[in-house]
Amino acid sequence: MVSSKRKIRSRGHVAKYTFDDILGKSAKIKSAIEKARRFGSVDATVLIYGETGVGKEFFAHAIHNVSPRKDGPFIAVNCAAVPENLLESELFGYAEGAFTGAKKGGKRGFFEMANQGTIFLDEISEMSDKLQTRLLRVLQEYEIMRLGDDRLISVDVRVIAATNSDLRGLVEDRLFRADLFYRINVLTLLVPTLRERREDIPVLVDHFLGVCNQKFQKNIKGIEPKGIDHFYAHDWPGNTRELQNIMERLVILTDDDYISADLVAESLIVSPIEPHPFSSHEPPTRIPKPAKAPNKSQP
């Protein structure tokens, strides 16, 4: 007989990442990881703040994987990527005949599918007022009602939500329900930007270089030193995701042993290098760099 955990894995409803997958040695990322680990042992709602691309979903996966619910399902939903009418049926399910095209026998929604596990609601600020009201009921009563049905279904689900918006400001502007905000604002985690942890850039560069070498069957050894300076000077509005995409581009376009500084500058579209201050603290005296290209003046 197939175990319940194997059934969950066969459906793809598993948390893929652990805290080991969150790379970096900076004080800021270590502090965020330590805080998130503590959240794992407490069965309460978590609200993760952070800019686009900082890795909020990685933290959600990792929190689930150290929680008492780790053997249960983990379902991630991007609230900004699904139209409102579809998102409602995806989250709460529907009864047979609820609308034209509804499946015979109805369909379970994500909350039912995540029973005894975790549901991750990314970009929760994009939820309509109607869906916010329905989510509030789940958090208050631990029950849902499918579309087109009048039957209440009990659910045991932990909610982890994430946003790149100022939810408190949206509440003040009456763009987000205050009662829902206070329900989800139990345990809060702020994931630092890449600008705030530039000393982690070499670690991330080495990691993505290895991943891209394997993906594109290359053997690039590193980046020229001036190329790393370009990385430090960049503002990284897209954070770690932007760095990953740029490394992929650099590896694709490089046929030599080392990625050239000119190619890095071209990819980042940066001006001449100038010292770039850290967002909230002084840079360390010495910042380690990944493997350097050999000095071209040497034999």
C-alpha atoms as a PDB file:
ATOM      1  CA  MET A   1       0.000   0.000   0.000  1.00  0.00           C
ATOM      2  CA  VAL A   2       1.385   3.388  -1.013  1.00  0.00           C
ATOM      3  CA  SER A   3       2.060   5.654   1.986  1.00  0.00           C
ATOM      4  CA  SER A   4       0.251   8.987   2.246  1.00  0.00           C
ATOM      5  CA  LYS A   5       3.578  10.823   1.914  1.00  0.00           C
ATOM      6  CA  ARG A   6       4.403   8.976  -1.329  1.00  0.00           C
ATOM      7  CA  LYS A   7       0.940   9.823  -2.655  1.00  0.00           C
ATOM      8  CA  ILE A   8       1.568  13.480  -1.861  1.00  0.00           C
ATOM      9  CA  ARG A   9       4.930  13.365  -3.654  1.00  0.00           C
ATOM     10  CA  SER A  10       3.381  11.674  -6.689  1.00  0.00           C
ATOM     11  CA  ARG A  11       0.991  14.618  -7.008  1.00  0.00           C
ATOM     12  CA  GLY A  12       3.812  17.139  -6.762  1.00  0.00           C
ATOM     13  CA  HIS A  13       2.498  18.789  -3.603  1.00  0.00           C
ATOM     14  CA  VAL A  14       5.813  18.886  -1.758  1.00  0.00           C
ATOM     15  CA  ALA A  15       8.152  21.580  -0.470  1.00  0.00           C
ATOM     16  CA  LYS A  16      11.294  21.235  -2.591  1.00  0.00           C
ATOM     17  CA  TYR A  17      13.645  23.550  -0.705  1.00  0.00           C
ATOM     18  CA  THR A  18      15.284  23.497   2.709  1.00  0.00           C
ATOM     19  CA  PHE A  19      17.334  26.084   4.571  1.00  0.00           C
ATOM     20  CA  ASP A  20      20.447  24.528   3.003  1.00  0.00           C
ATOM     21  CA  ASP A  21      19.203  25.854  -0.348  1.00  0.00           C
ATOM     22  CA  ILE A  22      19.229  29.457   0.918  1.00  0.00           C
ATOM     23  CA  LEU A  23      22.793  30.525   0.150  1.00  0.00           C
ATOM     24  CA  GLY A  24      24.822  33.200   1.890  1.00  0.00           C
ATOM     25  CA  LYS A  25      27.076  33.925   4.846  1.00  0.00           C
ATOM     26  CA  SER A  26      26.088  37.527   5.573  1.00  0.00           C
ATOM     27  CA  ALA A  27      24.699  38.521   8.957  1.00  0.00           C
ATOM     28  CA  LYS A  28      21.424  39.594   7.360  1.00  0.00           C
ATOM     29  CA  ILE A  29      20.649  36.321   5.619  1.00  0.00           C
ATOM     30  CA  LYS A  30      21.795  34.291   8.630  1.00  0.00           C
ATOM     31  CA  SER A  31      19.472  36.307  10.860  1.00  0.00           C
ATOM     32  CA  ALA A  32      16.534  35.741   8.495  1.00  0.00           C
ATOM     33  CA  ILE A  33      17.237  31.995   8.369  1.00  0.00           C
ATOM     34  CA  GLU A  34      17.502  31.741  12.154  1.00  0.00           C
ATOM     35  CA  LYS A  35      14.191  33.552  12.592  1.00  0.00           C
ATOM     36  CA  ALA A  36      12.486  31.403   9.958  1.00  0.00           C
ATOM     37  CA  ARG A  37      13.725  28.216  11.633  1.00  0.00           C
ATOM     38  CA  ARG A  38      12.029  29.298  14.853  1.00  0.00           C
ATOM     39  CA  PHE A  39       8.814  29.894  12.918  1.00  0.00           C
ATOM     40  CA  GLY A  40       8.946  26.314  11.675  1.00  0.00           C
ATOM     41  CA  SER A  41       8.319  24.865  15.113  1.00  0.00           C
ATOM     42  CA  VAL A  42       5.301  27.097  15.798  1.00  0.00           C
ATOM     43  CA  ASP A  43       2.050  26.223  14.027  1.00  0.00           C
ATOM     44  CA  ALA A  44       0.968  29.794  13.298  1.00  0.00           C
ATOM     45  CA  THR A  45       0.399  31.950  10.233  1.00  0.00           C
ATOM     46  CA  VAL A  46       3.544  33.495   8.735  1.00  0.00           C
ATOM     47  CA  LEU A  47       3.745  36.674   6.650  1.00  0.00           C
ATOM     48  CA  ILE A  48       6.910  37.021   4.560  1.00  0.00           C
ATOM     49  CA  TYR A  49       7.890  40.456   3.275  1.00  0.00           C
ATOM     50  CA  GLY A  50      10.467  41.083   0.573  1.00  0.00           C
ATOM     51  CA  GLU A  51      11.149  42.572  -2.825  1.00  0.00           C
ATOM     52  CA  THR A  52      10.609  40.592  -6.000  1.00  0.00           C
ATOM     53  CA  GLY A  53      13.301  37.974  -6.484  1.00  0.00           C
ATOM     54  CA  VAL A  54      14.689  37.801  -2.923  1.00  0.00           C
ATOM     55  CA  GLY A  55      13.570  34.200  -2.421  1.00  0.00           C
ATOM     56  CA  LYS A  56      10.396  34.444  -0.355  1.00  0.00           C
ATOM     57  CA  GLU A  57       9.144  31.125  -1.700  1.00  0.00           C
ATOM     58  CA  PHE A  58      12.403  29.413  -0.709  1.00  0.00           C
ATOM     59  CA  PHE A  59      11.757  30.497   2.875  1.00  0.00           C
ATOM     60  CA  ALA A  60       8.155  29.256   2.728  1.00  0.00           C
ATOM     61  CA  HIS A  61       9.301  25.816   1.522  1.00  0.00           C
ATOM     62  CA  ALA A  62      12.036  25.670   4.165  1.00  0.00           C
ATOM     63  CA  ILE A  63       9.704  26.665   7.014  1.00  0.00           C
ATOM     64  CA  HIS A  64       7.296  23.891   6.022  1.00  0.00           C
ATOM     65  CA  ASN A  65      10.130  21.364   5.873  1.00  0.00           C
ATOM     66  CA  VAL A  66      11.127  21.941   9.511  1.00  0.00           C
ATOM     67  CA  SER A  67       7.555  22.122  10.784  1.00  0.00           C
ATOM     68  CA  PRO A  68       5.398  19.403  12.358  1.00  0.00           C
ATOM     69  CA  ARG A  69       3.494  19.427   9.027  1.00  0.00           C
ATOM     70  CA  LYS A  70       6.564  18.470   6.970  1.00  0.00           C
ATOM     71  CA  ASP A  71       5.062  15.104   5.987  1.00  0.00           C
ATOM     72  CA  GLY A  72       1.891  16.808   4.769  1.00  0.00           C
ATOM     73  CA  PRO A  73       1.280  18.552   1.437  1.00  0.00           C
ATOM     74  CA  PHE A  74       2.760  21.928   0.498  1.00  0.00           C
ATOM     75  CA  ILE A  75       0.884  23.904  -2.142  1.00  0.00           C
ATOM     76  CA  ALA A  76       2.144  27.205  -3.558  1.00  0.00           C
ATOM     77  CA  VAL A  77      -0.261  29.658  -5.193  1.00  0.00           C
ATOM     78  CA  ASN A  78       0.714  32.901  -6.927  1.00  0.00           C
ATOM     79  CA  CYS A  79      -2.302  35.137  -6.335  1.00  0.00           C
ATOM     80  CA  ALA A  80      -1.089  37.678  -8.897  1.00  0.00           C
ATOM     81  CA  ALA A  81      -0.777  35.133 -11.706  1.00  0.00           C
ATOM     82  CA  VAL A  82      -4.314  33.734 -11.652  1.00  0.00           C
ATOM     83  CA  PRO A  83      -7.468  35.675 -12.695  1.00  0.00           C
ATOM     84  CA  GLU A  84      -9.854  36.349  -9.792  1.00  0.00           C
ATOM     85  CA  ASN A  85     -12.696  34.117 -11.010  1.00  0.00           C
ATOM     86  CA  LEU A  86     -10.315  31.219 -11.589  1.00  0.00           C
ATOM     87  CA  LEU A  87      -8.397  31.821  -8.349  1.00  0.00           C
ATOM     88  CA  GLU A  88     -11.570  31.458  -6.295  1.00  0.00           C
ATOM     89  CA  SER A  89     -12.386  28.039  -7.748  1.00  0.00           C
ATOM     90  CA  GLU A  90      -8.746  26.956  -7.511  1.00  0.00           C
ATOM     91  CA  LEU A  91      -8.526  27.874  -3.826  1.00  0.00           C
ATOM     92  CA  PHE A  92     -11.945  26.733  -2.637  1.00  0.00           C
ATOM     93  CA  GLY A  93     -13.011  24.180  -5.238  1.00  0.00           C
ATOM     94  CA  TYR A  94     -16.467  23.862  -6.752  1.00  0.00           C
ATOM     95  CA  ALA A  95     -19.521  21.634  -6.692  1.00  0.00           C
ATOM     96  CA  GLU A  96     -20.927  19.777  -9.682  1.00  0.00           C
ATOM     97  CA  GLY A  97     -22.932  22.183 -11.853  1.00  0.00           C
ATOM     98  CA  ALA A  98     -21.466  25.280 -10.174  1.00  0.00           C
ATOM     99  CA  PHE A  99     -20.808  26.825 -13.590  1.00  0.00           C
ATOM    100  CA  THR A 100     -20.671  25.906 -17.258  1.00  0.00           C
ATOM    101  CA  GLY A 101     -17.871  23.423 -17.770  1.00  0.00           C
ATOM    102  CA  ALA A 102     -17.682  22.344 -14.128  1.00  0.00           C
ATOM    103  CA  LYS A 103     -16.425  18.773 -13.749  1.00  0.00           C
ATOM    104  CA  LYS A 104     -18.887  16.062 -12.853  1.00  0.00           C
ATOM    105  CA  GLY A 105     -18.641  15.431  -9.140  1.00  0.00           C
ATOM    106  CA  GLY A 106     -17.031  18.811  -8.555  1.00  0.00           C
ATOM    107  CA  LYS A 107     -13.424  19.512  -7.691  1.00  0.00           C
ATOM    108  CA  ARG A 108     -11.395  19.971  -4.545  1.00  0.00           C
ATOM    109  CA  GLY A 109      -9.673  23.308  -4.099  1.00  0.00           C
ATOM    110  CA  PHE A 110      -6.151  23.974  -2.890  1.00  0.00           C
ATOM    111  CA  PHE A 111      -7.257  24.404   0.720  1.00  0.00           C
ATOM    112  CA  GLU A 112      -8.758  20.916   0.757  1.00  0.00           C
ATOM    113  CA  MET A 113      -5.728  19.511  -1.030  1.00  0.00           C
ATOM    114  CA  ALA A 114      -3.411  21.142   1.533  1.00  0.00           C
ATOM    115  CA  ASN A 115      -5.243  19.587   4.481  1.00  0.00           C
ATOM    116  CA  GLN A 116      -2.808  18.750   7.310  1.00  0.00           C
ATOM    117  CA  GLY A 117      -0.126  20.630   5.422  1.00  0.00           C
ATOM    118  CA  THR A 118       0.744  24.157   4.329  1.00  0.00           C
ATOM    119  CA  ILE A 119      -0.577  26.504   1.667  1.00  0.00           C
ATOM    120  CA  PHE A 120       1.703  29.305   0.474  1.00  0.00           C
ATOM    121  CA  LEU A 121      -0.144  32.367  -0.828  1.00  0.00           C
ATOM    122  CA  ASP A 122       2.365  34.459  -2.761  1.00  0.00           C
ATOM    123  CA  GLU A 123       1.509  38.106  -3.517  1.00  0.00           C
ATOM    124  CA  ILE A 124      -1.460  38.016  -1.166  1.00  0.00           C
ATOM    125  CA  SER A 125      -1.918  41.775  -1.645  1.00  0.00           C
ATOM    126  CA  GLU A 126      -3.294  41.018  -5.134  1.00  0.00           C
ATOM    127  CA  MET A 127      -6.319  39.185  -3.710  1.00  0.00           C
ATOM    128  CA  SER A 128      -9.676  40.852  -4.356  1.00  0.00           C
ATOM    129  CA  ASP A 129     -11.803  41.983  -1.419  1.00  0.00           C
ATOM    130  CA  LYS A 130     -14.127  39.042  -2.037  1.00  0.00           C
ATOM    131  CA  LEU A 131     -11.318  36.514  -1.802  1.00  0.00           C
ATOM    132  CA  GLN A 132      -9.851  38.268   1.221  1.00  0.00           C
ATOM    133  CA  THR A 133     -13.210  37.803   2.958  1.00  0.00           C
ATOM    134  CA  ARG A 134     -13.255  34.103   2.116  1.00  0.00           C
ATOM    135  CA  LEU A 135      -9.668  33.657   3.293  1.00  0.00           C
ATOM    136  CA  LEU A 136     -10.516  35.383   6.568  1.00  0.00           C
ATOM    137  CA  ARG A 137     -13.212  32.772   7.187  1.00  0.00           C
ATOM    138  CA  VAL A 138     -10.696  29.972   6.654  1.00  0.00           C
ATOM    139  CA  LEU A 139      -8.339  31.516   9.202  1.00  0.00           C
ATOM    140  CA  GLN A 140     -11.114  32.132  11.720  1.00  0.00           C
ATOM    141  CA  GLU A 141     -13.293  29.047  11.363  1.00  0.00           C
ATOM    142  CA  TYR A 142     -10.946  26.496   9.720  1.00  0.00           C
ATOM    143  CA  GLU A 143     -13.583  25.653   7.137  1.00  0.00           C
ATOM    144  CA  ILE A 144     -14.307  26.329   3.477  1.00  0.00           C
ATOM    145  CA  MET A 145     -17.306  26.171   1.176  1.00  0.00           C
ATOM    146  CA  ARG A 146     -16.949  25.110  -2.439  1.00  0.00           C
ATOM    147  CA  LEU A 147     -18.392  27.320  -5.169  1.00  0.00           C
ATOM    148  CA  GLY A 148     -21.999  26.381  -5.863  1.00  0.00           C
ATOM    149  CA  ASP A 149     -22.311  24.398  -2.631  1.00  0.00           C
ATOM    150  CA  ASP A 150     -23.812  25.139   0.780  1.00  0.00           C
ATOM    151  CA  ARG A 151     -21.869  22.482   2.648  1.00  0.00           C
ATOM    152  CA  LEU A 152     -19.051  23.510   4.992  1.00  0.00           C
ATOM    153  CA  ILE A 153     -15.850  21.458   4.849  1.00  0.00           C
ATOM    154  CA  SER A 154     -13.375  21.511   7.732  1.00  0.00           C
ATOM    155  CA  VAL A 155      -9.724  22.063   6.835  1.00  0.00           C
ATOM    156  CA  ASP A 156      -6.543  21.890   8.890  1.00  0.00           C
ATOM    157  CA  VAL A 157      -4.097  24.078   6.993  1.00  0.00           C
ATOM    158  CA  ARG A 158      -1.219  26.335   7.921  1.00  0.00           C
ATOM    159  CA  VAL A 159      -1.098  29.531   5.862  1.00  0.00           C
ATOM    160  CA  ILE A 160       2.173  31.172   4.863  1.00  0.00           C
ATOM    161  CA  ALA A 161       1.625  34.385   2.918  1.00  0.00           C
ATOM    162  CA  ALA A 162       4.086  36.632   1.110  1.00  0.00           C
ATOM    163  CA  THR A 163       4.042  40.089  -0.409  1.00  0.00           C
ATOM    164  CA  ASN A 164       6.342  42.695  -1.911  1.00  0.00           C
ATOM    165  CA  SER A 165       3.883  45.442  -0.899  1.00  0.00           C
ATOM    166  CA  ASP A 166       3.442  47.474   2.267  1.00  0.00           C
ATOM    167  CA  LEU A 167       0.330  45.732   3.584  1.00  0.00           C
ATOM    168  CA  ARG A 168      -0.052  48.134   6.501  1.00  0.00           C
ATOM    169  CA  GLY A 169      -0.076  51.015   4.036  1.00  0.00           C
ATOM    170  CA  LEU A 170      -2.655  49.214   1.894  1.00  0.00           C
ATOM    171  CA  VAL A 171      -4.810  48.765   5.003  1.00  0.00           C
ATOM    172  CA  GLU A 172      -4.583  52.498   5.730  1.00  0.00           C
ATOM    173  CA  ASP A 173      -5.581  53.203   2.117  1.00  0.00           C
ATOM    174  CA  ARG A 174      -8.457  50.698   2.455  1.00  0.00           C
ATOM    175  CA  LEU A 175      -7.032  48.520  -0.288  1.00  0.00           C
ATOM    176  CA  PHE A 176      -6.535  45.518   1.999  1.00  0.00           C
ATOM    177  CA  ARG A 177      -8.831  44.288   4.754  1.00  0.00           C
ATOM    178  CA  ALA A 178      -7.630  45.291   8.214  1.00  0.00           C
ATOM    179  CA  ASP A 179      -9.155  42.217   9.871  1.00  0.00           C
ATOM    180  CA  LEU A 180      -7.352  39.901   7.454  1.00  0.00           C
ATOM    181  CA  PHE A 181      -4.097  41.798   7.912  1.00  0.00           C
ATOM    182  CA  TYR A 182      -4.183  41.284  11.660  1.00  0.00           C
ATOM    183  CA  ARG A 183      -5.003  37.608  11.155  1.00  0.00           C
ATOM    184  CA  ILE A 184      -1.987  36.950   8.925  1.00  0.00           C
ATOM    185  CA  ASN A 185       0.379  39.367  10.662  1.00  0.00           C
ATOM    186  CA  VAL A 186       1.211  36.889  13.444  1.00  0.00           C
ATOM    187  CA  LEU A 187       4.789  35.894  12.624  1.00  0.00           C
ATOM    188  CA  THR A 188       6.550  38.251  10.195  1.00  0.00           C
ATOM    189  CA  LEU A 189       9.766  37.707   8.291  1.00  0.00           C
ATOM    190  CA  LEU A 190      11.638  40.258   6.179  1.00  0.00           C
ATOM    191  CA  VAL A 191      13.887  38.700   3.547  1.00  0.00           C
ATOM    192  CA  PRO A 192      16.853  41.021   2.851  1.00  0.00           C
ATOM    193  CA  THR A 193      17.549  42.374  -0.614  1.00  0.00           C
ATOM    194  CA  LEU A 194      20.718  41.481  -2.478  1.00  0.00           C
ATOM    195  CA  ARG A 195      21.783  45.139  -2.078  1.00  0.00           C
ATOM    196  CA  GLU A 196      21.776  44.604   1.675  1.00  0.00           C
ATOM    197  CA  ARG A 197      23.958  41.517   1.517  1.00  0.00           C
ATOM    198  CA  ARG A 198      26.451  42.169  -1.254  1.00  0.00           C
ATOM    199  CA  GLU A 199      29.072  40.070   0.523  1.00  0.00           C
ATOM    200  CA  ASP A 200      26.957  37.056  -0.508  1.00  0.00           C
ATOM    201  CA  ILE A 201      27.403  37.806  -4.217  1.00  0.00           C
ATOM    202  CA  PRO A 202      30.533  35.582  -4.634  1.00  0.00           C
ATOM    203  CA  VAL A 203      28.764  32.607  -3.042  1.00  0.00           C
ATOM    204  CA  LEU A 204      25.739  33.076  -5.291  1.00  0.00           C
ATOM    205  CA  VAL A 205      27.871  33.638  -8.395  1.00  0.00           C
ATOM    206  CA  ASP A 206      29.825  30.433  -7.779  1.00  0.00           C
ATOM    207  CA  HIS A 207      26.602  28.501  -7.216  1.00  0.00           C
ATOM    208  CA  PHE A 208      24.861  29.777 -10.346  1.00  0.00           C
ATOM    209  CA  LEU A 209      28.047  29.305 -12.386  1.00  0.00           C
ATOM    210  CA  GLY A 210      28.095  25.644 -11.393  1.00  0.00           C
ATOM    211  CA  VAL A 211      24.405  25.214 -12.170  1.00  0.00           C
ATOM    212  CA  CYS A 212      24.746  26.909 -15.564  1.00  0.00           C
ATOM    213  CA  ASN A 213      27.914  25.002 -16.470  1.00  0.00           C
ATOM    214  CA  GLN A 214      26.039  21.769 -15.922  1.00  0.00           C
ATOM    215  CA  LYS A 215      22.909  22.978 -17.695  1.00  0.00           C
ATOM    216  CA  PHE A 216      24.742  24.181 -20.808  1.00  0.00           C
ATOM    217  CA  GLN A 217      27.561  21.601 -20.704  1.00  0.00           C
ATOM    218  CA  LYS A 218      30.337  24.137 -20.250  1.00  0.00           C
ATOM    219  CA  ASN A 219      33.391  24.380 -18.001  1.00  0.00           C
ATOM    220  CA  ILE A 220      33.777  28.085 -17.311  1.00  0.00           C
ATOM    221  CA  LYS A 221      36.132  28.592 -14.365  1.00  0.00           C
ATOM    222  CA  GLY A 222      35.108  32.028 -13.133  1.00  0.00           C
ATOM    223  CA  ILE A 223      34.765  35.748 -13.834  1.00  0.00           C
ATOM    224  CA  GLU A 224      37.481  38.328 -14.423  1.00  0.00           C
ATOM    225  CA  PRO A 225      38.077  40.454 -11.269  1.00  0.00           C
ATOM    226  CA  LYS A 226      36.737  43.648 -12.832  1.00  0.00           C
ATOM    227  CA  GLY A 227      33.619  41.736 -13.741  1.00  0.00           C
ATOM    228  CA  ILE A 228      33.018  41.036 -10.064  1.00  0.00           C
ATOM    229  CA  ASP A 229      33.378  44.787  -9.411  1.00  0.00           C
ATOM    230  CA  HIS A 230      30.500  45.330 -11.816  1.00  0.00           C
ATOM    231  CA  PHE A 231      28.395  42.898  -9.795  1.00  0.00           C
ATOM    232  CA  TYR A 232      29.146  44.791  -6.578  1.00  0.00           C
ATOM    233  CA  ALA A 233      28.229  48.132  -8.155  1.00  0.00           C
ATOM    234  CA  HIS A 234      24.901  46.973  -9.575  1.00  0.00           C
ATOM    235  CA  ASP A 235      21.711  47.842  -7.644  1.00  0.00           C
ATOM    236  CA  TRP A 236      20.030  44.462  -8.260  1.00  0.00           C
ATOM    237  CA  PRO A 237      16.391  45.567  -8.493  1.00  0.00           C
ATOM    238  CA  GLY A 238      15.501  41.957  -9.335  1.00  0.00           C
ATOM    239  CA  ASN A 239      17.658  40.597  -6.509  1.00  0.00           C
ATOM    240  CA  THR A 240      18.823  36.956  -6.538  1.00  0.00           C
ATOM    241  CA  ARG A 241      16.520  36.024  -9.411  1.00  0.00           C
ATOM    242  CA  GLU A 242      18.106  38.759 -11.533  1.00  0.00           C
ATOM    243  CA  LEU A 243      21.591  37.494 -10.644  1.00  0.00           C
ATOM    244  CA  GLN A 244      20.594  33.966 -11.627  1.00  0.00           C
ATOM    245  CA  ASN A 245      19.248  35.124 -14.992  1.00  0.00           C
ATOM    246  CA  ILE A 246      22.337  37.233 -15.706  1.00  0.00           C
ATOM    247  CA  MET A 247      24.673  34.346 -14.861  1.00  0.00           C
ATOM    248  CA  GLU A 248      22.732  32.144 -17.258  1.00  0.00           C
ATOM    249  CA  ARG A 249      23.130  34.735 -20.004  1.00  0.00           C
ATOM    250  CA  LEU A 250      26.857  35.161 -19.304  1.00  0.00           C
ATOM    251  CA  VAL A 251      27.519  31.424 -19.429  1.00  0.00           C
ATOM    252  CA  ILE A 252      25.601  31.053 -22.699  1.00  0.00           C
ATOM    253  CA  LEU A 253      27.587  33.892 -24.310  1.00  0.00           C
ATOM    254  CA  THR A 254      31.030  32.829 -23.044  1.00  0.00           C
ATOM    255  CA  ASP A 255      33.271  30.395 -24.901  1.00  0.00           C
ATOM    256  CA  ASP A 256      36.492  31.144 -22.973  1.00  0.00           C
ATOM    257  CA  ASP A 257      37.610  29.846 -19.578  1.00  0.00           C
ATOM    258  CA  TYR A 258      36.621  33.087 -17.854  1.00  0.00           C
ATOM    259  CA  ILE A 259      33.683  35.447 -18.277  1.00  0.00           C
ATOM    260  CA  SER A 260      35.004  38.839 -19.373  1.00  0.00           C
ATOM    261  CA  ALA A 261      34.420  42.059 -17.449  1.00  0.00           C
ATOM    262  CA  ASP A 262      33.184  43.736 -20.637  1.00  0.00           C
ATOM    263  CA  LEU A 263      30.501  41.100 -21.101  1.00  0.00           C
ATOM    264  CA  VAL A 264      29.404  41.525 -17.479  1.00  0.00           C
ATOM    265  CA  ALA A 265      29.199  45.308 -17.903  1.00  0.00           C
ATOM    266  CA  GLU A 266      27.233  44.917 -21.109  1.00  0.00           C
ATOM    267  CA  SER A 267      24.818  42.503 -19.456  1.00  0.00           C
ATOM    268  CA  LEU A 268      24.268  44.740 -16.453  1.00  0.00           C
ATOM    269  CA  ILE A 269      24.223  47.961 -18.490  1.00  0.00           C
ATOM    270  CA  VAL A 270      26.303  49.708 -15.817  1.00  0.00           C
ATOM    271  CA  SER A 271      28.265  52.960 -15.897  1.00  0.00           C
ATOM    272  CA  PRO A 272      31.992  53.069 -14.926  1.00  0.00           C
ATOM    273  CA  ILE A 273      32.583  51.399 -11.582  1.00  0.00           C
ATOM    274  CA  GLU A 274      32.401  53.498  -8.436  1.00  0.00           C
ATOM    275  CA  PRO A 275      32.308  52.340  -4.809  1.00  0.00           C
ATOM    276  CA  HIS A 276      28.734  51.445  -3.937  1.00  0.00           C
ATOM    277  CA  PRO A 277      27.652  51.706  -0.276  1.00  0.00           C
ATOM    278  CA  PHE A 278      25.688  48.933   1.368  1.00  0.00           C
ATOM    279  CA  SER A 279      22.026  49.723   2.027  1.00  0.00           C
ATOM    280  CA  SER A 280      22.078  49.694   5.800  1.00  0.00           C
ATOM    281  CA  HIS A 281      25.611  48.971   6.991  1.00  0.00           C
ATOM    282  CA  GLU A 282      29.258  49.525   6.139  1.00  0.00           C
ATOM    283  CA  PRO A 283      30.864  47.021   3.778  1.00  0.00           C
ATOM    284  CA  PRO A 284      33.395  44.652   5.297  1.00  0.00           C
ATOM    285  CA  THR A 285      37.065  45.589   5.083  1.00  0.00           C
ATOM    286  CA  ARG A 286      37.667  42.786   2.632  1.00  0.00           C
ATOM    287  CA  ILE A 287      35.061  41.178   0.415  1.00  0.00           C
ATOM    288  CA  PRO A 288      36.011  37.739  -0.898  1.00  0.00           C
ATOM    289  CA  LYS A 289      35.740  37.116  -4.611  1.00  0.00           C
ATOM    290  CA  PRO A 290      35.172  33.925  -6.573  1.00  0.00           C
ATOM    291  CA  ALA A 291      37.813  32.326  -8.745  1.00  0.00           C
ATOM    292  CA  LYS A 292      39.806  34.968 -10.623  1.00  0.00           C
ATOM    293  CA  ALA A 293      41.114  34.843 -14.130  1.00  0.00           C
ATOM    294  CA  PRO A 294      44.905  34.629 -14.338  1.00  0.00           C
ATOM    295  CA  ASN A 295      46.779  37.905 -14.800  1.00  0.00           C
ATOM    296  CA  LYS A 296      47.184  38.303 -18.546  1.00  0.00           C
ATOM    297  CA  SER A 297      50.641  39.851 -18.063  1.00  0.00           C
ATOM    298  CA  GLN A 298      51.885  36.610 -16.538  1.00  0.00           C
ATOM    299  CA  PRO A 299      53.202  33.800 -18.732  1.00  0.00           C
END
